[in-house]
Amino acid sequence: MAFIREFNATQIQKMTNGANAELFAKLKADVFRGKVFPAVRKNELHFYYKGGCLYKFSGGLFKRDNNYERYGGDTEGLSDYETFKNQVRHRYADSNGKAMERQLLDGLYSYTYGAQCKSNVVVLDIEINLNGAVGGGKKCDMVLLNTQTDEIMFVEGKVFSDSRVLVAIPFIPEVVAQVSTYTAAIVEQRQVIIEQYANHIQIVNRLFGTSYRPSKKLIEPAKLLTYNTPKCPTENGTYSIDKINRGLGSNNVLWVEQNYNPTLDVIWRSLAL
């Protein structure tokens, strides 16, 4: 399966008119508030909220994962739309490492479409399956777009306590192989990815009124962003940092200290070396 970003005029017409118009208007309002993030897929548009896919528009219809219904929480007095959002929010409300990762990355998404955007770098896409011969089925967390240089960059996000990052001596952190796989996957499809994200940009410009220019260059290799890195790591922590820096290259890893949330511009400057 090739890496494709496509959503044609007929699909846009179906999504924005008739029975679908009311729901799209709600989603679009939340996109502009920085609460919901739209992602173009092959003939689909996915709308993410708080770490999960709230709705998919596919085959002329909005669809949702009914498995979220088991995470309802308090829904008294809420509309169906707000109830569905509540379910997704509760699904990822636990305190394990993956949830924390989702919450921290979620804070970066609001700059792309909201009026508050004052960043040269924005999040273009999230939860990216590269669909190639290499690493098929694995999802990288986000693609960043530098609106000044029209470059894109793949970034995987983690928290330091994640067992794929923090390991005991003498094990090798799993994240080294994970990010290396993303690098191999983007090298395999470099030009296709650049062209398809140019399509992606045209689609979101049309739907959400942005004016981003088509992507022209892909920054390689894939990068790692690690939150909540302790100032004074344990022996295992120091060992893990060293192994990851050696495995991925220290210029390709950003170790973010606890209680610090870097801006997208800072993340880009730190990793685009």
Foldseek 3Di string as FASTA:
>chain_A
DAFAFDADPVNVVLCCDDPNNVVVVVLLVCLQVLAWAWAGGVNKIFIDGLQGTLWMRHPSDIDGDPVLVVQQPDCPPHDPSVSSNNSVNSVLVDDDFVSVQSVLVSVQANQPQYPPNPDQKHWLHAQDARCDPFRGPHTFGTWMARQVQLEIATEHEGECPPQLQQDAPPDARVVLVVQVSQQVSCVVCVVVVQVNQLVSVVVCCVVRVDDGHRRDGYQDDHAYEYEAQEPDDDPSSVNSVVNNCVSPPVQRYHYHHYPDRDHPNVVCVSNRD
